[in-house]
Amino acid sequence: MKKIALIPAYCPNEGLISLVQHLKKENMEPVIVNDGSDTSCDWIFDACAQEATVLKQMPNRGKGAAMKKGMQWILDNEPKDSVITAVDADGQHDPHDCLRCAEMAVQHPDALILGTRNFDGPDVPFKSHWGNKITASLFHIFTGVRVSDTQTGLRSFHASLLPAMLAVPGERYEYEMNQLLACIQQHIPFEEVEIATIYEDGNSSSHFHVIRDSFLIYKQLIHFAASSLSSFAVDYLLFCLFSLLFNGMYGTVIANITARIFSACFNYEVNRRMVFKDGQSRRSSFWRYALLAVMILICNTLILSFFVYVLHWHALLAKILTEVILFFFSWTIQKTYIFTSHIKGAANL
């Protein structure tokens, strides 16, 4: 089976030549995409062309776009039983680790293989250490899937998954996060391979734009959790409305219960159809969700009543805090026990 190393490259240094040579020694076939690099880098790509396929796109469009260009070329020109390993051009990946990920893809042709790094070492830059830990934690909270390294650039998969990978949206660094989310939605499991953590010169060669690219990455996680945010908005707006209509001694309780009934119906349909992509019939999940909704309603009402009638907080402020307290409990129960088909194929949960 042919093992292909796909390398998106933007203004690389001469280390790319060494990377290509070492990949060849590991019996991997490099495919490089020159993503609109300066003409001063032409000699580097010319040197690589002696042992690798070099593609070019102009102008610079971003890592995701470069990967898609390379994947499309592989789909059109390489054997259908090959495996593809995405490799960063900045020297962060040991060629032997690239081969190990490729071999794992051969063993698991239905999975996305992730080369995961250890961010607790003394040589890991501060922003990389905390950035990856925070992103991994948010990813787990929003998706229910545990991934050790959500931003790894070393990933492998069988050529049969190329159409799915090409369909993933994203032109820049957000493509890698979108790829993980798309795999969850399409029931493509993950397999992890621990790799060496290499940061040369404090990762100074990286073209990652902290503000722009971080926004794009986190935007995808927020979008993935938009169901709960929209359900909260529906619930809160209805609560505000019903609070004006029900002014009696128990008006807050009545307004809360009425708003929760409407928002629960909305939340169920959105989560079943859009977020968890639940393949079960409505009948199989509805009663489990209904039981959860009753439990949440009881807890919600008790907590809200405590804040309003015991602590004498303003009802609208108390409502927000109550929803925050119960948000993660509700989300965890839904992803684990109600809408279960979205994680059955995922590894490393």
Protein backbone atom coordinates (compact mmCIF):
# COMPACT_ATOMS: atom_id res chain seq x y z
CA MET A 1 0.00 0.00 0.00
CA LYS A 2 1.42 3.37 -1.00
CA LYS A 3 2.09 5.82 1.85
CA ILE A 4 1.82 9.49 0.86
CA ALA A 5 3.01 12.44 2.94
CA LEU A 6 0.96 15.54 2.15
CA ILE A 7 2.86 18.71 3.09
CA PRO A 8 1.20 22.14 2.86
CA ALA A 9 4.00 24.73 2.82
CA TYR A 10 4.04 28.51 3.01
CA CYS A 11 7.44 30.24 2.89
CA PRO A 12 9.30 27.24 4.33
CA ASN A 13 12.96 27.24 5.29
CA GLU A 14 15.52 24.80 3.94
CA GLY A 15 14.48 22.29 6.60
CA LEU A 16 11.74 21.22 4.16
CA ILE A 17 14.44 19.68 1.94
CA SER A 18 15.71 17.62 4.87
CA LEU A 19 12.16 16.61 5.78
CA VAL A 20 11.52 15.33 2.26
CA GLN A 21 14.76 13.33 2.28
CA HIS A 22 13.93 11.70 5.61
CA LEU A 23 10.38 10.88 4.52
CA LYS A 24 11.77 9.17 1.42
CA LYS A 25 14.03 7.07 3.67
CA GLU A 26 10.87 5.95 5.50
CA ASN A 27 9.45 4.82 2.12
CA MET A 28 6.88 7.63 2.04
CA GLU A 29 6.05 9.61 -1.11
CA PRO A 30 5.97 13.38 -0.39
CA VAL A 31 3.39 15.60 -2.10
CA ILE A 32 4.10 19.28 -1.37
CA VAL A 33 1.69 22.15 -1.95
CA ASN A 34 3.40 25.51 -2.32
CA ASP A 35 0.72 27.78 -0.88
CA GLY A 36 1.63 31.07 -2.55
CA SER A 37 5.12 31.33 -1.04
CA ASP A 38 7.51 34.18 -1.88
CA THR A 39 9.69 33.70 -4.94
CA SER A 40 12.68 33.67 -2.59
CA CYS A 41 11.59 30.15 -1.61
CA ASP A 42 11.58 28.83 -5.19
CA TRP A 43 15.00 27.22 -4.79
CA ILE A 44 13.71 25.20 -1.83
CA PHE A 45 10.75 23.85 -3.80
CA ASP A 46 13.00 23.17 -6.81
CA ALA A 47 15.32 21.12 -4.60
CA CYS A 48 12.37 19.19 -3.16
CA ALA A 49 10.99 18.51 -6.66
CA GLN A 50 13.85 16.08 -7.25
CA GLU A 51 12.30 13.64 -4.77
CA ALA A 52 8.73 14.87 -4.32
CA THR A 53 5.68 16.00 -6.25
CA VAL A 54 5.38 19.77 -5.90
CA LEU A 55 2.06 21.51 -6.57
CA LYS A 56 1.50 25.26 -6.53
CA GLN A 57 -1.44 27.52 -5.79
CA MET A 58 -1.36 31.30 -6.08
CA PRO A 59 -1.96 33.47 -4.18
CA ASN A 60 -1.65 32.21 -0.61
CA ARG A 61 -5.01 30.81 0.49
CA GLY A 62 -4.23 29.08 3.78
CA LYS A 63 -3.38 25.66 5.19
CA GLY A 64 -6.84 24.17 4.71
CA ALA A 65 -7.00 25.22 1.06
CA ALA A 66 -3.49 23.84 0.44
CA MET A 67 -4.41 20.51 2.00
CA LYS A 68 -7.53 20.27 -0.16
CA LYS A 69 -5.53 21.00 -3.30
CA GLY A 70 -3.12 18.22 -2.40
CA MET A 71 -5.90 15.80 -1.50
CA GLN A 72 -7.70 16.46 -4.78
CA TRP A 73 -4.48 15.75 -6.69
CA ILE A 74 -3.96 12.52 -4.73
CA LEU A 75 -7.57 11.48 -5.39
CA ASP A 76 -7.08 12.03 -9.13
CA ASN A 77 -3.59 10.57 -9.53
CA GLU A 78 -2.74 8.03 -6.83
CA PRO A 79 -3.91 4.47 -6.05
CA LYS A 80 -7.26 4.24 -4.30
CA ASP A 81 -5.83 2.00 -1.56
CA SER A 82 -3.11 4.44 -0.51
CA VAL A 83 -2.94 6.19 2.87
CA ILE A 84 -2.38 9.91 3.28
CA THR A 85 -0.46 11.53 6.13
CA ALA A 86 -0.71 15.30 6.55
CA VAL A 87 2.66 16.62 7.71
CA ASP A 88 3.54 20.19 8.77
CA ALA A 89 6.44 21.71 6.87
CA ASP A 90 8.00 23.46 9.88
CA GLY A 91 10.00 20.53 11.29
CA GLN A 92 7.62 19.68 14.16
CA HIS A 93 7.14 16.08 13.08
CA ASP A 94 9.62 13.24 13.25
CA PRO A 95 9.51 11.35 9.91
CA HIS A 96 9.41 8.06 11.80
CA ASP A 97 6.28 9.26 13.62
CA CYS A 98 4.77 10.06 10.22
CA LEU A 99 5.37 6.46 9.18
CA ARG A 100 3.84 5.15 12.41
CA CYS A 101 0.68 7.19 11.79
CA ALA A 102 0.53 5.91 8.20
CA GLU A 103 0.82 2.32 9.38
CA MET A 104 -1.98 2.92 11.89
CA ALA A 105 -4.15 4.17 9.01
CA VAL A 106 -3.47 0.91 7.18
CA GLN A 107 -4.71 -1.01 10.23
CA HIS A 108 -7.75 1.27 10.70
CA PRO A 109 -8.90 2.36 7.22
CA ASP A 110 -12.21 3.69 8.57
CA ALA A 111 -10.59 6.04 11.11
CA LEU A 112 -8.80 9.39 11.29
CA ILE A 113 -5.41 8.87 12.92
CA LEU A 114 -4.15 11.69 15.15
CA GLY A 115 -0.50 12.09 16.08
CA THR A 116 -0.85 13.47 19.61
CA ARG A 117 1.82 15.46 21.43
CA ASN A 118 2.57 15.75 25.15
CA PHE A 119 2.24 19.41 26.18
CA ASP A 120 3.58 19.00 29.71
CA GLY A 121 7.27 18.98 28.73
CA PRO A 122 9.64 21.82 29.68
CA ASP A 123 10.34 22.76 26.05
CA VAL A 124 6.71 23.41 25.12
CA PRO A 125 5.97 27.15 24.66
CA PHE A 126 3.57 28.62 27.20
CA LYS A 127 0.92 29.58 24.62
CA SER A 128 1.03 26.10 23.06
CA HIS A 129 0.75 24.37 26.46
CA TRP A 130 -2.33 26.26 27.62
CA GLY A 131 -3.85 26.87 24.19
CA ASN A 132 -4.05 23.16 23.43
CA LYS A 133 -5.28 22.20 26.89
CA ILE A 134 -8.07 24.77 26.80
CA THR A 135 -9.11 23.82 23.27
CA ALA A 136 -9.10 20.10 24.11
CA SER A 137 -11.26 20.73 27.19
CA LEU A 138 -13.77 22.83 25.25
CA PHE A 139 -13.86 20.23 22.49
CA HIS A 140 -14.72 17.52 25.01
CA ILE A 141 -17.41 19.66 26.65
CA PHE A 142 -19.10 20.55 23.37
CA THR A 143 -18.79 17.20 21.56
CA GLY A 144 -18.44 14.53 24.23
CA VAL A 145 -15.35 13.16 22.49
CA ARG A 146 -11.97 13.23 24.17
CA VAL A 147 -9.09 14.19 21.87
CA SER A 148 -5.67 14.70 23.43
CA ASP A 149 -4.37 17.10 20.77
CA THR A 150 -7.03 18.91 18.73
CA GLN A 151 -4.48 21.02 16.84
CA THR A 152 -2.05 18.35 15.74
CA GLY A 153 -0.94 18.78 12.15
CA LEU A 154 0.08 15.13 11.87
CA ARG A 155 -2.95 13.13 10.75
CA SER A 156 -3.38 10.02 8.62
CA PHE A 157 -6.30 8.40 6.85
CA HIS A 158 -7.08 5.91 4.10
CA ALA A 159 -7.70 7.25 0.59
CA SER A 160 -11.30 6.03 0.82
CA LEU A 161 -11.94 8.94 3.20
CA LEU A 162 -10.66 11.57 0.75
CA PRO A 163 -14.13 12.65 -0.47
CA ALA A 164 -15.22 13.22 3.13
CA MET A 165 -12.05 15.18 3.94
CA LEU A 166 -12.42 17.32 0.80
CA ALA A 167 -15.98 18.21 1.80
CA VAL A 168 -14.87 19.67 5.16
CA PRO A 169 -15.25 23.48 5.12
CA GLY A 170 -12.40 25.82 6.02
CA GLU A 171 -9.51 27.46 4.19
CA ARG A 172 -7.02 28.15 6.97
CA TYR A 173 -6.16 26.64 10.35
CA GLU A 174 -9.82 26.19 11.23
CA TYR A 175 -9.91 23.35 8.69
CA GLU A 176 -8.28 21.01 11.22
CA MET A 177 -10.95 21.69 13.85
CA ASN A 178 -13.70 21.37 11.23
CA GLN A 179 -12.21 18.04 10.21
CA LEU A 180 -12.60 16.68 13.75
CA LEU A 181 -16.19 17.94 14.01
CA ALA A 182 -17.06 16.49 10.59
CA CYS A 183 -15.68 13.10 11.61
CA ILE A 184 -17.91 13.07 14.69
CA GLN A 185 -20.96 13.97 12.62
CA GLN A 186 -20.15 11.28 10.04
CA HIS A 187 -19.32 8.63 12.65
CA ILE A 188 -15.65 8.42 11.61
CA PRO A 189 -13.72 7.24 14.69
CA PHE A 190 -10.41 8.61 15.96
CA GLU A 191 -7.28 6.65 16.80
CA GLU A 192 -4.38 8.33 18.58
CA VAL A 193 -0.65 7.72 18.18
CA GLU A 194 1.66 9.39 20.68
CA ILE A 195 4.41 11.28 18.87
CA ALA A 196 7.47 13.32 19.78
CA THR A 197 6.83 16.94 20.76
CA ILE A 198 9.23 19.13 18.81
CA TYR A 199 9.36 22.92 18.96
CA GLU A 200 12.33 24.34 17.13
CA ASP A 201 13.28 27.92 18.14
CA GLY A 202 10.11 28.24 20.21
CA ASN A 203 7.99 27.40 17.17
CA SER A 204 9.09 30.66 15.51
CA SER A 205 8.57 29.24 12.01
CA SER A 206 4.84 28.77 12.51
CA HIS A 207 2.56 31.00 10.42
CA PHE A 208 -0.32 30.65 12.91
CA HIS A 209 -1.95 34.07 13.42
CA VAL A 210 -2.89 34.06 17.11
CA ILE A 211 -5.93 36.37 16.98
CA ARG A 212 -7.34 35.59 13.53
CA ASP A 213 -6.79 31.83 13.51
CA SER A 214 -7.73 31.33 17.17
CA PHE A 215 -11.03 33.10 16.46
CA LEU A 216 -11.71 30.84 13.49
CA ILE A 217 -10.96 27.70 15.51
CA TYR A 218 -13.10 28.61 18.52
CA LYS A 219 -15.85 29.85 16.23
CA GLN A 220 -16.33 26.28 15.02
CA LEU A 221 -16.70 24.95 18.58
CA ILE A 222 -19.22 27.66 19.42
CA HIS A 223 -21.11 26.89 16.22
CA PHE A 224 -21.18 23.20 17.14
CA ALA A 225 -22.74 24.09 20.50
CA ALA A 226 -25.13 26.64 19.02
CA SER A 227 -28.12 24.44 19.78
CA SER A 228 -27.76 24.89 23.51
CA LEU A 229 -27.10 28.61 23.13
CA SER A 230 -30.17 29.08 20.95
CA SER A 231 -32.29 26.96 23.31
CA PHE A 232 -31.15 29.11 26.21
CA ALA A 233 -32.14 32.22 24.26
CA VAL A 234 -35.61 30.82 23.58
CA ASP A 235 -36.02 29.81 27.21
CA TYR A 236 -34.82 33.13 28.60
CA LEU A 237 -36.90 35.30 26.27
CA LEU A 238 -40.04 33.29 27.02
CA PHE A 239 -39.25 33.47 30.74
CA CYS A 240 -38.99 37.26 30.49
CA LEU A 241 -42.32 37.40 28.63
CA PHE A 242 -44.19 35.07 31.00
CA SER A 243 -42.74 36.88 34.02
CA LEU A 244 -44.64 39.95 32.86
CA LEU A 245 -47.85 37.95 32.44
CA PHE A 246 -47.74 36.02 35.73
CA ASN A 247 -47.36 38.47 38.62
CA GLY A 248 -48.67 36.45 41.54
CA MET A 249 -46.75 35.00 44.47
CA TYR A 250 -45.58 32.05 42.38
CA GLY A 251 -45.35 33.96 39.13
CA THR A 252 -41.64 33.22 38.74
CA VAL A 253 -42.23 29.47 39.13
CA ILE A 254 -45.13 29.45 36.66
CA ALA A 255 -43.16 31.53 34.13
CA ASN A 256 -40.16 29.20 34.46
CA ILE A 257 -42.16 26.02 33.99
CA THR A 258 -44.03 27.40 30.96
CA ALA A 259 -40.83 28.67 29.31
CA ARG A 260 -39.02 25.37 29.95
CA ILE A 261 -41.76 23.34 28.26
CA PHE A 262 -41.47 25.35 25.04
CA SER A 263 -37.66 25.52 25.05
CA ALA A 264 -37.34 21.79 25.81
CA CYS A 265 -39.33 20.91 22.68
CA PHE A 266 -37.15 23.25 20.63
CA ASN A 267 -33.94 21.87 22.16
CA TYR A 268 -34.93 18.26 21.53
CA GLU A 269 -35.60 18.72 17.82
CA VAL A 270 -32.49 20.82 17.16
CA ASN A 271 -30.20 18.43 19.05
CA ARG A 272 -31.68 15.33 17.45
CA ARG A 273 -31.54 16.66 13.89
CA MET A 274 -28.57 19.04 13.77
CA VAL A 275 -26.11 18.61 16.64
CA PHE A 276 -25.98 14.96 17.52
CA LYS A 277 -27.18 13.79 14.09
CA ASP A 278 -29.09 11.08 15.88
CA GLY A 279 -29.91 8.17 13.60
CA GLN A 280 -32.51 6.65 15.91
CA SER A 281 -36.21 7.10 15.45
CA ARG A 282 -37.82 9.93 17.39
CA ARG A 283 -39.64 7.34 19.44
CA SER A 284 -36.46 5.71 20.80
CA SER A 285 -34.99 8.94 22.13
CA PHE A 286 -38.07 11.02 22.97
CA TRP A 287 -39.02 9.32 26.21
CA ARG A 288 -35.47 9.41 27.52
CA TYR A 289 -35.32 13.10 26.67
CA ALA A 290 -38.75 13.70 28.26
CA LEU A 291 -37.55 12.10 31.51
CA LEU A 292 -34.44 14.27 31.46
CA ALA A 293 -36.56 17.35 30.74
CA VAL A 294 -38.73 16.64 33.78
CA MET A 295 -35.65 16.15 35.97
CA ILE A 296 -34.09 19.37 34.66
CA LEU A 297 -37.37 21.24 35.14
CA ILE A 298 -37.62 20.12 38.78
CA CYS A 299 -33.99 21.00 39.52
CA ASN A 300 -34.31 24.24 37.58
CA THR A 301 -37.41 25.30 39.49
CA LEU A 302 -35.94 24.41 42.90
CA ILE A 303 -32.67 26.26 42.25
CA LEU A 304 -34.44 29.27 40.76
CA SER A 305 -36.90 29.39 43.68
CA PHE A 306 -34.02 29.27 46.15
CA PHE A 307 -32.31 32.21 44.48
CA VAL A 308 -35.54 34.28 44.19
CA TYR A 309 -37.52 33.44 47.34
CA VAL A 310 -34.71 32.66 49.80
CA LEU A 311 -31.80 34.83 48.66
CA HIS A 312 -34.14 37.47 47.17
CA TRP A 313 -32.19 37.83 43.92
CA HIS A 314 -33.72 39.46 40.89
CA ALA A 315 -35.58 36.79 38.89
CA LEU A 316 -33.86 37.54 35.57
CA LEU A 317 -30.36 37.31 37.08
CA ALA A 318 -31.29 34.18 39.02
CA LYS A 319 -32.57 32.58 35.81
CA ILE A 320 -29.23 33.07 34.03
CA LEU A 321 -27.21 31.55 36.90
CA THR A 322 -29.64 28.63 37.18
CA GLU A 323 -29.26 27.81 33.48
CA VAL A 324 -25.46 27.97 33.69
CA ILE A 325 -25.45 25.57 36.65
CA LEU A 326 -27.59 23.01 34.80
CA PHE A 327 -26.14 23.47 31.31
CA PHE A 328 -23.23 21.02 31.56
CA PHE A 329 -25.32 18.41 33.41
CA SER A 330 -27.99 18.46 30.71
CA TRP A 331 -25.47 18.43 27.84
CA THR A 332 -23.57 15.46 29.33
CA ILE A 333 -26.73 13.39 29.83
CA GLN A 334 -27.93 14.11 26.28
CA LYS A 335 -24.67 13.18 24.57
CA THR A 336 -24.13 10.08 26.75
CA TYR A 337 -27.55 8.49 27.24
CA ILE A 338 -30.09 10.06 24.89
CA PHE A 339 -28.54 10.85 21.51
CA THR A 340 -25.95 8.06 21.48
CA SER A 341 -25.44 7.19 17.82
CA HIS A 342 -23.10 10.15 17.22
CA ILE A 343 -20.34 8.67 19.40
CA LYS A 344 -20.63 4.94 18.85
CA GLY A 345 -17.85 4.97 16.28
CA ALA A 346 -15.55 7.36 18.15
CA ALA A 347 -12.44 6.06 19.86
CA ASN A 348 -10.68 7.46 22.93
CA LEU A 349 -13.82 8.72 24.67
